[in-house]
Amino acid sequence: MLPDWLLADPDNLARTVVVGIGSYAALVAMLRLTGKRTLAQMNAFDFIVTVAMGSTLAAIFVQPNVSFVEGVLALGLLLGLQFVVTFATVRSRAMLRLVKNEPKLLLYQGRMLDEALKTERVSPEEVHQAIRSKGRSSVDEVHAVVLETDGTFSVIADAPAGRPTALQGLARPDQDG
């Protein structure tokens, strides 16, 4: 005989299956409607929304006191807010700054930028690891390392002289101001 804590009420099991399938289908449909940007892991804000969606979906599945309609409404509200915020960030520089971190230059022309490392709480060892992961054996082989808005490191091997680079818009030590 199985202990009571291991057994489940057949009605609850049926509810979990029916509501789970329905809420999953509703989430997939809403994600298709809101577009690819909804699930993009571009910054901390997007990550928080993604975690909240997962938590909401889990609550719909296993909490009998959360109705299917309430759960789908909550998912829709999260996705709707995500859509509004991303729509606003593309059109408003102020909103973009409010929601999204700026990329930060950590190494430039072979030199670690100590103040940037401190501000971003990144160790030189982490920068070295990023350089090694890109197959570079020396800091001298790297033009720049950038901490991106999503927390990843971009390693830029070289910068063609006199041509625009991907570093445009980033504060660099060789620039005034």
N, C-alpha and C. Protein backbone atom coordinates (compact mmCIF):
# COMPACT_ATOMS: atom_id res chain seq x y z
N MET A 1 0.85 -1.19 0.00
CA MET A 1 0.00 0.00 0.00
C MET A 1 0.89 1.25 0.00
N LEU A 2 0.54 2.22 -0.80
CA LEU A 2 1.30 3.47 -0.90
C LEU A 2 0.86 4.44 0.18
N PRO A 3 1.82 5.26 0.67
CA PRO A 3 1.44 6.27 1.67
C PRO A 3 0.52 7.34 1.05
N ASP A 4 -0.31 7.96 1.90
CA ASP A 4 -1.28 8.96 1.44
C ASP A 4 -0.63 10.12 0.69
N TRP A 5 0.56 10.54 1.15
CA TRP A 5 1.21 11.69 0.52
C TRP A 5 1.65 11.40 -0.91
N LEU A 6 1.73 10.13 -1.25
CA LEU A 6 2.14 9.74 -2.59
C LEU A 6 0.95 9.59 -3.54
N LEU A 7 -0.22 9.41 -2.99
CA LEU A 7 -1.42 9.22 -3.80
C LEU A 7 -2.01 10.57 -4.18
N ALA A 8 -2.69 10.59 -5.31
CA ALA A 8 -3.33 11.83 -5.75
C ALA A 8 -4.79 11.55 -6.06
N ASP A 9 -5.60 12.57 -5.89
CA ASP A 9 -7.02 12.50 -6.21
C ASP A 9 -7.15 12.41 -7.73
N PRO A 10 -7.87 11.42 -8.24
CA PRO A 10 -8.02 11.29 -9.70
C PRO A 10 -8.60 12.55 -10.35
N ASP A 11 -9.49 13.24 -9.65
CA ASP A 11 -10.04 14.49 -10.21
C ASP A 11 -8.95 15.54 -10.38
N ASN A 12 -8.04 15.63 -9.41
CA ASN A 12 -6.92 16.59 -9.52
C ASN A 12 -5.98 16.21 -10.66
N LEU A 13 -5.77 14.92 -10.84
CA LEU A 13 -4.92 14.46 -11.94
C LEU A 13 -5.56 14.83 -13.27
N ALA A 14 -6.84 14.59 -13.41
CA ALA A 14 -7.54 14.93 -14.65
C ALA A 14 -7.49 16.43 -14.88
N ARG A 15 -7.70 17.23 -13.84
CA ARG A 15 -7.64 18.69 -13.96
C ARG A 15 -6.27 19.13 -14.44
N THR A 16 -5.21 18.53 -13.85
CA THR A 16 -3.84 18.88 -14.22
C THR A 16 -3.60 18.61 -15.71
N VAL A 17 -4.08 17.48 -16.20
CA VAL A 17 -3.89 17.13 -17.61
C VAL A 17 -4.67 18.09 -18.51
N VAL A 18 -5.94 18.28 -18.23
CA VAL A 18 -6.79 19.12 -19.09
C VAL A 18 -6.34 20.58 -19.06
N VAL A 19 -6.16 21.12 -17.85
CA VAL A 19 -5.76 22.52 -17.72
C VAL A 19 -4.33 22.70 -18.23
N GLY A 20 -3.48 21.71 -18.00
CA GLY A 20 -2.10 21.79 -18.48
C GLY A 20 -2.03 21.87 -19.99
N ILE A 21 -2.77 21.00 -20.66
CA ILE A 21 -2.78 21.02 -22.13
C ILE A 21 -3.37 22.34 -22.64
N GLY A 22 -4.46 22.76 -22.04
CA GLY A 22 -5.10 24.01 -22.47
C GLY A 22 -4.23 25.23 -22.25
N SER A 23 -3.62 25.33 -21.08
CA SER A 23 -2.79 26.51 -20.79
C SER A 23 -1.51 26.49 -21.63
N TYR A 24 -0.97 25.32 -21.88
CA TYR A 24 0.21 25.21 -22.74
C TYR A 24 -0.15 25.68 -24.16
N ALA A 25 -1.27 25.20 -24.67
CA ALA A 25 -1.70 25.60 -26.01
C ALA A 25 -1.96 27.11 -26.06
N ALA A 26 -2.57 27.65 -25.01
CA ALA A 26 -2.83 29.10 -24.97
C ALA A 26 -1.52 29.88 -24.96
N LEU A 27 -0.54 29.42 -24.18
CA LEU A 27 0.75 30.10 -24.12
C LEU A 27 1.45 30.07 -25.48
N VAL A 28 1.45 28.92 -26.13
CA VAL A 28 2.08 28.81 -27.45
C VAL A 28 1.40 29.77 -28.44
N ALA A 29 0.07 29.80 -28.41
CA ALA A 29 -0.66 30.70 -29.31
C ALA A 29 -0.32 32.16 -29.02
N MET A 30 -0.28 32.54 -27.74
CA MET A 30 0.06 33.93 -27.38
C MET A 30 1.48 34.28 -27.79
N LEU A 31 2.40 33.35 -27.61
CA LEU A 31 3.79 33.61 -28.00
C LEU A 31 3.91 33.79 -29.50
N ARG A 32 3.15 33.03 -30.26
CA ARG A 32 3.16 33.19 -31.72
C ARG A 32 2.61 34.55 -32.11
N LEU A 33 1.59 35.01 -31.40
CA LEU A 33 0.97 36.30 -31.70
C LEU A 33 1.89 37.47 -31.34
N THR A 34 2.63 37.35 -30.24
CA THR A 34 3.45 38.47 -29.78
C THR A 34 4.81 38.52 -30.46
N GLY A 35 5.22 37.47 -31.13
CA GLY A 35 6.44 37.52 -31.93
C GLY A 35 7.67 36.97 -31.22
N LYS A 36 8.74 36.87 -31.99
CA LYS A 36 10.00 36.28 -31.52
C LYS A 36 10.62 37.04 -30.36
N ARG A 37 10.45 38.34 -30.35
CA ARG A 37 11.09 39.19 -29.35
C ARG A 37 10.66 38.84 -27.93
N THR A 38 9.47 38.25 -27.78
CA THR A 38 8.93 37.95 -26.45
C THR A 38 9.85 37.04 -25.66
N LEU A 39 10.42 36.04 -26.31
CA LEU A 39 11.26 35.09 -25.59
C LEU A 39 12.75 35.35 -25.73
N ALA A 40 13.11 36.42 -26.38
CA ALA A 40 14.53 36.72 -26.55
C ALA A 40 15.16 37.01 -25.19
N GLN A 41 16.26 36.36 -24.90
CA GLN A 41 16.97 36.61 -23.64
C GLN A 41 17.95 37.75 -23.87
N MET A 42 17.40 38.97 -24.01
CA MET A 42 18.25 40.10 -24.36
C MET A 42 18.75 40.88 -23.15
N ASN A 43 18.01 40.85 -22.07
CA ASN A 43 18.43 41.61 -20.90
C ASN A 43 17.74 41.07 -19.66
N ALA A 44 18.02 41.67 -18.52
CA ALA A 44 17.46 41.20 -17.25
C ALA A 44 15.94 41.28 -17.26
N PHE A 45 15.39 42.32 -17.85
CA PHE A 45 13.94 42.48 -17.91
C PHE A 45 13.31 41.29 -18.64
N ASP A 46 13.85 40.92 -19.79
CA ASP A 46 13.33 39.79 -20.55
C ASP A 46 13.44 38.49 -19.76
N PHE A 47 14.53 38.33 -19.04
CA PHE A 47 14.73 37.13 -18.23
C PHE A 47 13.66 37.05 -17.14
N ILE A 48 13.39 38.16 -16.48
CA ILE A 48 12.40 38.19 -15.41
C ILE A 48 11.02 37.83 -15.96
N VAL A 49 10.66 38.36 -17.11
CA VAL A 49 9.37 38.06 -17.71
C VAL A 49 9.29 36.58 -18.07
N THR A 50 10.37 36.02 -18.60
CA THR A 50 10.39 34.61 -18.97
C THR A 50 10.21 33.73 -17.73
N VAL A 51 10.90 34.06 -16.65
CA VAL A 51 10.75 33.30 -15.40
C VAL A 51 9.33 33.44 -14.87
N ALA A 52 8.77 34.65 -14.92
CA ALA A 52 7.40 34.87 -14.44
C ALA A 52 6.41 34.05 -15.26
N MET A 53 6.63 33.95 -16.57
CA MET A 53 5.74 33.14 -17.41
C MET A 53 5.82 31.67 -17.00
N GLY A 54 7.02 31.19 -16.75
CA GLY A 54 7.18 29.80 -16.32
C GLY A 54 6.52 29.54 -14.98
N SER A 55 6.68 30.47 -14.07
CA SER A 55 6.06 30.34 -12.75
C SER A 55 4.54 30.36 -12.86
N THR A 56 4.03 31.24 -13.70
CA THR A 56 2.58 31.33 -13.90
C THR A 56 2.05 30.04 -14.53
N LEU A 57 2.73 29.53 -15.52
CA LEU A 57 2.32 28.29 -16.16
C LEU A 57 2.31 27.14 -15.15
N ALA A 58 3.33 27.08 -14.31
CA ALA A 58 3.39 26.03 -13.28
C ALA A 58 2.23 26.17 -12.31
N ALA A 59 1.91 27.39 -11.92
CA ALA A 59 0.79 27.60 -10.99
C ALA A 59 -0.52 27.13 -11.62
N ILE A 60 -0.71 27.41 -12.90
CA ILE A 60 -1.94 26.97 -13.58
C ILE A 60 -2.02 25.44 -13.57
N PHE A 61 -0.89 24.79 -13.82
CA PHE A 61 -0.86 23.33 -13.89
C PHE A 61 -1.22 22.69 -12.56
N VAL A 62 -0.63 23.13 -11.47
CA VAL A 62 -0.69 22.35 -10.23
C VAL A 62 -1.50 22.97 -9.09
N GLN A 63 -1.93 24.19 -9.22
CA GLN A 63 -2.69 24.79 -8.13
C GLN A 63 -4.18 24.80 -8.47
N PRO A 64 -4.95 23.95 -7.83
CA PRO A 64 -6.37 23.86 -8.16
C PRO A 64 -7.14 25.16 -7.88
N ASN A 65 -6.61 26.01 -7.02
CA ASN A 65 -7.31 27.26 -6.72
C ASN A 65 -7.08 28.33 -7.79
N VAL A 66 -6.23 28.04 -8.79
CA VAL A 66 -6.03 28.95 -9.92
C VAL A 66 -6.81 28.36 -11.10
N SER A 67 -7.84 29.08 -11.52
CA SER A 67 -8.65 28.57 -12.63
C SER A 67 -7.89 28.71 -13.95
N PHE A 68 -8.33 27.95 -14.92
CA PHE A 68 -7.75 28.02 -16.25
C PHE A 68 -7.85 29.43 -16.81
N VAL A 69 -9.01 30.05 -16.69
CA VAL A 69 -9.22 31.39 -17.23
C VAL A 69 -8.32 32.41 -16.51
N GLU A 70 -8.21 32.31 -15.18
CA GLU A 70 -7.33 33.22 -14.43
C GLU A 70 -5.87 33.05 -14.88
N GLY A 71 -5.46 31.81 -15.05
CA GLY A 71 -4.09 31.54 -15.46
C GLY A 71 -3.78 32.07 -16.85
N VAL A 72 -4.69 31.83 -17.78
CA VAL A 72 -4.48 32.32 -19.15
C VAL A 72 -4.51 33.84 -19.17
N LEU A 73 -5.39 34.44 -18.36
CA LEU A 73 -5.42 35.90 -18.25
C LEU A 73 -4.08 36.43 -17.70
N ALA A 74 -3.53 35.75 -16.70
CA ALA A 74 -2.25 36.16 -16.12
C ALA A 74 -1.13 36.05 -17.17
N LEU A 75 -1.12 34.96 -17.92
CA LEU A 75 -0.12 34.81 -18.98
C LEU A 75 -0.28 35.90 -20.03
N GLY A 76 -1.51 36.15 -20.43
CA GLY A 76 -1.78 37.19 -21.40
C GLY A 76 -1.36 38.56 -20.91
N LEU A 77 -1.59 38.82 -19.63
CA LEU A 77 -1.19 40.10 -19.04
C LEU A 77 0.33 40.25 -19.07
N LEU A 78 1.05 39.20 -18.68
CA LEU A 78 2.52 39.24 -18.73
C LEU A 78 3.02 39.49 -20.15
N LEU A 79 2.48 38.76 -21.10
CA LEU A 79 2.91 38.92 -22.48
C LEU A 79 2.51 40.28 -23.04
N GLY A 80 1.34 40.75 -22.66
CA GLY A 80 0.90 42.07 -23.10
C GLY A 80 1.79 43.17 -22.56
N LEU A 81 2.14 43.08 -21.27
CA LEU A 81 3.05 44.07 -20.67
C LEU A 81 4.42 44.00 -21.32
N GLN A 82 4.89 42.79 -21.59
CA GLN A 82 6.18 42.62 -22.27
C GLN A 82 6.15 43.29 -23.64
N PHE A 83 5.05 43.10 -24.36
CA PHE A 83 4.90 43.69 -25.68
C PHE A 83 4.91 45.21 -25.59
N VAL A 84 4.17 45.77 -24.64
CA VAL A 84 4.10 47.23 -24.47
C VAL A 84 5.48 47.80 -24.13
N VAL A 85 6.17 47.16 -23.20
CA VAL A 85 7.48 47.66 -22.79
C VAL A 85 8.48 47.57 -23.95
N THR A 86 8.51 46.46 -24.66
CA THR A 86 9.46 46.35 -25.77
C THR A 86 9.09 47.31 -26.89
N PHE A 87 7.81 47.51 -27.13
CA PHE A 87 7.35 48.48 -28.13
C PHE A 87 7.86 49.88 -27.75
N ALA A 88 7.73 50.22 -26.46
CA ALA A 88 8.17 51.54 -25.98
C ALA A 88 9.69 51.69 -26.02
N THR A 89 10.43 50.62 -25.73
CA THR A 89 11.89 50.74 -25.72
C THR A 89 12.46 50.96 -27.11
N VAL A 90 11.78 50.48 -28.13
CA VAL A 90 12.25 50.67 -29.50
C VAL A 90 12.00 52.11 -29.96
N ARG A 91 11.05 52.76 -29.33
CA ARG A 91 10.66 54.11 -29.74
C ARG A 91 11.12 55.22 -28.81
N SER A 92 11.55 54.86 -27.60
CA SER A 92 11.93 55.88 -26.62
C SER A 92 13.28 55.55 -25.99
N ARG A 93 14.23 56.46 -26.17
CA ARG A 93 15.56 56.28 -25.59
C ARG A 93 15.48 56.23 -24.06
N ALA A 94 14.61 57.06 -23.47
CA ALA A 94 14.46 57.09 -22.00
C ALA A 94 13.95 55.75 -21.49
N MET A 95 12.97 55.18 -22.18
CA MET A 95 12.43 53.88 -21.78
C MET A 95 13.48 52.79 -21.95
N LEU A 96 14.25 52.88 -23.02
CA LEU A 96 15.31 51.91 -23.25
C LEU A 96 16.31 51.94 -22.10
N ARG A 97 16.72 53.13 -21.69
CA ARG A 97 17.68 53.26 -20.57
C ARG A 97 17.08 52.75 -19.27
N LEU A 98 15.78 52.94 -19.09
CA LEU A 98 15.11 52.49 -17.86
C LEU A 98 15.09 50.97 -17.76
N VAL A 99 14.85 50.30 -18.87
CA VAL A 99 14.65 48.86 -18.87
C VAL A 99 15.93 48.07 -19.15
N LYS A 100 16.79 48.60 -19.97
CA LYS A 100 17.93 47.83 -20.47
C LYS A 100 19.25 48.41 -19.99
N ASN A 101 20.17 47.53 -19.61
CA ASN A 101 21.51 47.95 -19.26
C ASN A 101 22.27 48.35 -20.53
N GLU A 102 23.30 49.14 -20.36
CA GLU A 102 24.17 49.51 -21.47
C GLU A 102 25.32 48.50 -21.54
N PRO A 103 25.78 48.16 -22.75
CA PRO A 103 26.99 47.34 -22.83
C PRO A 103 28.17 48.12 -22.27
N LYS A 104 29.15 47.42 -21.74
CA LYS A 104 30.29 48.09 -21.10
C LYS A 104 31.59 47.51 -21.61
N LEU A 105 32.49 48.39 -22.02
CA LEU A 105 33.81 48.00 -22.48
C LEU A 105 34.66 47.63 -21.25
N LEU A 106 35.24 46.42 -21.25
CA LEU A 106 36.04 45.95 -20.11
C LEU A 106 37.53 45.90 -20.42
N LEU A 107 37.84 45.70 -21.69
CA LEU A 107 39.23 45.65 -22.14
C LEU A 107 39.27 46.38 -23.46
N TYR A 108 40.29 47.22 -23.63
CA TYR A 108 40.39 47.98 -24.87
C TYR A 108 41.85 48.09 -25.27
N GLN A 109 42.15 47.69 -26.49
CA GLN A 109 43.49 47.74 -27.05
C GLN A 109 44.53 47.12 -26.11
N GLY A 110 44.20 45.92 -25.62
CA GLY A 110 45.12 45.15 -24.79
C GLY A 110 45.20 45.59 -23.33
N ARG A 111 44.38 46.56 -22.92
CA ARG A 111 44.46 47.08 -21.55
C ARG A 111 43.14 46.87 -20.83
N MET A 112 43.21 46.25 -19.64
CA MET A 112 42.02 46.09 -18.80
C MET A 112 41.58 47.46 -18.32
N LEU A 113 40.29 47.71 -18.32
CA LEU A 113 39.73 48.97 -17.83
C LEU A 113 39.24 48.73 -16.41
N ASP A 114 40.14 49.00 -15.46
CA ASP A 114 39.90 48.64 -14.06
C ASP A 114 38.62 49.23 -13.48
N GLU A 115 38.33 50.47 -13.80
CA GLU A 115 37.13 51.10 -13.26
C GLU A 115 35.87 50.40 -13.78
N ALA A 116 35.87 50.05 -15.04
CA ALA A 116 34.73 49.33 -15.63
C ALA A 116 34.58 47.95 -15.01
N LEU A 117 35.71 47.27 -14.78
CA LEU A 117 35.66 45.96 -14.14
C LEU A 117 35.04 46.06 -12.75
N LYS A 118 35.44 47.07 -11.98
CA LYS A 118 34.89 47.26 -10.63
C LYS A 118 33.40 47.57 -10.70
N THR A 119 33.03 48.50 -11.57
CA THR A 119 31.63 48.91 -11.69
C THR A 119 30.74 47.72 -12.05
N GLU A 120 31.20 46.87 -12.95
CA GLU A 120 30.40 45.75 -13.44
C GLU A 120 30.60 44.48 -12.60
N ARG A 121 31.50 44.55 -11.60
CA ARG A 121 31.78 43.41 -10.72
C ARG A 121 32.26 42.19 -11.52
N VAL A 122 33.22 42.45 -12.41
CA VAL A 122 33.82 41.41 -13.24
C VAL A 122 35.29 41.34 -12.91
N SER A 123 35.82 40.14 -12.75
CA SER A 123 37.24 39.98 -12.45
C SER A 123 38.04 39.89 -13.75
N PRO A 124 39.32 40.27 -13.68
CA PRO A 124 40.18 40.09 -14.86
C PRO A 124 40.22 38.63 -15.33
N GLU A 125 40.11 37.70 -14.37
CA GLU A 125 40.12 36.28 -14.73
C GLU A 125 38.93 35.92 -15.62
N GLU A 126 37.77 36.54 -15.35
CA GLU A 126 36.60 36.28 -16.19
C GLU A 126 36.81 36.81 -17.61
N VAL A 127 37.47 37.94 -17.72
CA VAL A 127 37.78 38.50 -19.04
C VAL A 127 38.76 37.58 -19.76
N HIS A 128 39.79 37.09 -19.04
CA HIS A 128 40.75 36.16 -19.64
C HIS A 128 40.04 34.88 -20.11
N GLN A 129 39.09 34.40 -19.32
CA GLN A 129 38.35 33.19 -19.69
C GLN A 129 37.57 33.44 -20.98
N ALA A 130 36.95 34.60 -21.10
CA ALA A 130 36.20 34.94 -22.32
C ALA A 130 37.13 34.97 -23.52
N ILE A 131 38.33 35.51 -23.34
CA ILE A 131 39.31 35.58 -24.42
C ILE A 131 39.74 34.16 -24.83
N ARG A 132 40.02 33.32 -23.82
CA ARG A 132 40.41 31.93 -24.12
C ARG A 132 39.29 31.18 -24.83
N SER A 133 38.03 31.42 -24.41
CA SER A 133 36.91 30.70 -25.01
C SER A 133 36.74 31.04 -26.49
N LYS A 134 37.30 32.16 -26.91
CA LYS A 134 37.27 32.54 -28.33
C LYS A 134 38.53 32.09 -29.06
N GLY A 135 39.34 31.27 -28.40
CA GLY A 135 40.51 30.70 -29.06
C GLY A 135 41.71 31.62 -29.13
N ARG A 136 41.72 32.66 -28.34
CA ARG A 136 42.85 33.60 -28.33
C ARG A 136 43.76 33.23 -27.17
N SER A 137 45.07 33.32 -27.42
CA SER A 137 46.02 32.93 -26.38
C SER A 137 46.60 34.13 -25.64
N SER A 138 46.36 35.33 -26.16
CA SER A 138 46.97 36.51 -25.56
C SER A 138 46.00 37.69 -25.60
N VAL A 139 46.09 38.52 -24.57
CA VAL A 139 45.31 39.75 -24.52
C VAL A 139 45.71 40.65 -25.68
N ASP A 140 46.96 40.57 -26.09
CA ASP A 140 47.45 41.39 -27.21
C ASP A 140 46.76 41.07 -28.53
N GLU A 141 46.16 39.88 -28.63
CA GLU A 141 45.45 39.48 -29.85
C GLU A 141 44.02 40.03 -29.90
N VAL A 142 43.62 40.74 -28.85
CA VAL A 142 42.24 41.18 -28.73
C VAL A 142 42.18 42.70 -28.75
N HIS A 143 41.30 43.22 -29.58
CA HIS A 143 41.09 44.66 -29.64
C HIS A 143 40.22 45.13 -28.47
N ALA A 144 39.15 44.35 -28.15
CA ALA A 144 38.24 44.76 -27.08
C ALA A 144 37.46 43.57 -26.55
N VAL A 145 37.02 43.72 -25.29
CA VAL A 145 36.07 42.79 -24.69
C VAL A 145 34.94 43.65 -24.13
N VAL A 146 33.71 43.27 -24.49
CA VAL A 146 32.53 44.03 -24.07
C VAL A 146 31.63 43.13 -23.24
N LEU A 147 31.17 43.64 -22.09
CA LEU A 147 30.13 42.97 -21.32
C LEU A 147 28.80 43.43 -21.90
N GLU A 148 28.08 42.52 -22.52
CA GLU A 148 26.85 42.86 -23.23
C GLU A 148 25.68 43.00 -22.26
N THR A 149 24.57 43.50 -22.78
CA THR A 149 23.39 43.76 -21.95
C THR A 149 22.79 42.48 -21.37
N ASP A 150 23.06 41.34 -21.98
CA ASP A 150 22.53 40.07 -21.49
C ASP A 150 23.52 39.33 -20.58
N GLY A 151 24.65 39.99 -20.25
CA GLY A 151 25.63 39.39 -19.36
C GLY A 151 26.69 38.55 -20.04
N THR A 152 26.63 38.42 -21.35
CA THR A 152 27.65 37.66 -22.07
C THR A 152 28.81 38.58 -22.44
N PHE A 153 29.93 37.97 -22.76
CA PHE A 153 31.11 38.71 -23.18
C PHE A 153 31.26 38.62 -24.69
N SER A 154 31.52 39.74 -25.33
CA SER A 154 31.88 39.75 -26.75
C SER A 154 33.36 40.06 -26.83
N VAL A 155 34.08 39.24 -27.59
CA VAL A 155 35.51 39.43 -27.78
C VAL A 155 35.73 39.86 -29.22
N ILE A 156 36.30 41.03 -29.40
CA ILE A 156 36.53 41.59 -30.72
C ILE A 156 38.02 41.51 -31.01
N ALA A 157 38.36 40.72 -32.02
CA ALA A 157 39.76 40.43 -32.30
C ALA A 157 40.49 41.61 -32.92
N ASP A 158 39.85 42.29 -33.85
CA ASP A 158 40.55 43.39 -34.51
C ASP A 158 39.55 44.45 -34.94
N ALA A 159 40.07 45.61 -35.23
CA ALA A 159 39.23 46.72 -35.70
C ALA A 159 39.90 47.33 -36.92
N PRO A 160 39.26 47.26 -38.05
CA PRO A 160 39.86 47.83 -39.26
C PRO A 160 40.05 49.34 -39.11
N ALA A 161 41.21 49.82 -39.43
CA ALA A 161 41.52 51.24 -39.30
C ALA A 161 40.64 52.08 -40.22
N GLY A 162 40.11 53.15 -39.67
CA GLY A 162 39.34 54.09 -40.45
C GLY A 162 37.95 53.64 -40.84
N ARG A 163 37.50 52.49 -40.32
CA ARG A 163 36.16 51.99 -40.65
C ARG A 163 35.32 51.89 -39.38
N PRO A 164 34.01 52.04 -39.50
CA PRO A 164 33.15 51.92 -38.32
C PRO A 164 33.30 50.53 -37.69
N THR A 165 33.23 50.49 -36.37
CA THR A 165 33.33 49.21 -35.67
C THR A 165 32.07 48.98 -34.84
N ALA A 166 31.97 47.81 -34.30
CA ALA A 166 30.85 47.46 -33.42
C ALA A 166 30.95 48.15 -32.07
N LEU A 167 32.03 48.88 -31.85
CA LEU A 167 32.22 49.59 -30.58
C LEU A 167 31.58 50.97 -30.59
N GLN A 168 30.97 51.35 -31.71
CA GLN A 168 30.34 52.67 -31.76
C GLN A 168 29.27 52.76 -30.68
N GLY A 169 29.26 53.90 -30.01
CA GLY A 169 28.31 54.12 -28.94
C GLY A 169 28.83 53.74 -27.56
N LEU A 170 29.96 53.03 -27.51
CA LEU A 170 30.55 52.67 -26.22
C LEU A 170 31.62 53.70 -25.85
N ALA A 171 31.64 54.08 -24.58
CA ALA A 171 32.69 55.01 -24.12
C ALA A 171 34.01 54.27 -24.15
N ARG A 172 35.01 54.89 -24.80
CA ARG A 172 36.34 54.29 -24.91
C ARG A 172 37.37 55.24 -24.29
N PRO A 173 38.43 54.69 -23.75
CA PRO A 173 39.44 55.55 -23.11
C PRO A 173 40.15 56.50 -24.07
N ASP A 174 40.13 56.22 -25.37
CA ASP A 174 40.83 57.09 -26.32
C ASP A 174 39.91 58.21 -26.84
N GLN A 175 38.71 58.31 -26.28
CA GLN A 175 37.78 59.36 -26.69
C GLN A 175 37.71 60.44 -25.62
N ASP A 176 37.47 61.66 -26.01
CA ASP A 176 37.27 62.72 -25.04
C ASP A 176 35.89 62.59 -24.41
N GLY A 177 35.79 62.97 -23.13
CA GLY A 177 34.51 62.97 -22.46
C GLY A 177 34.31 61.71 -21.77
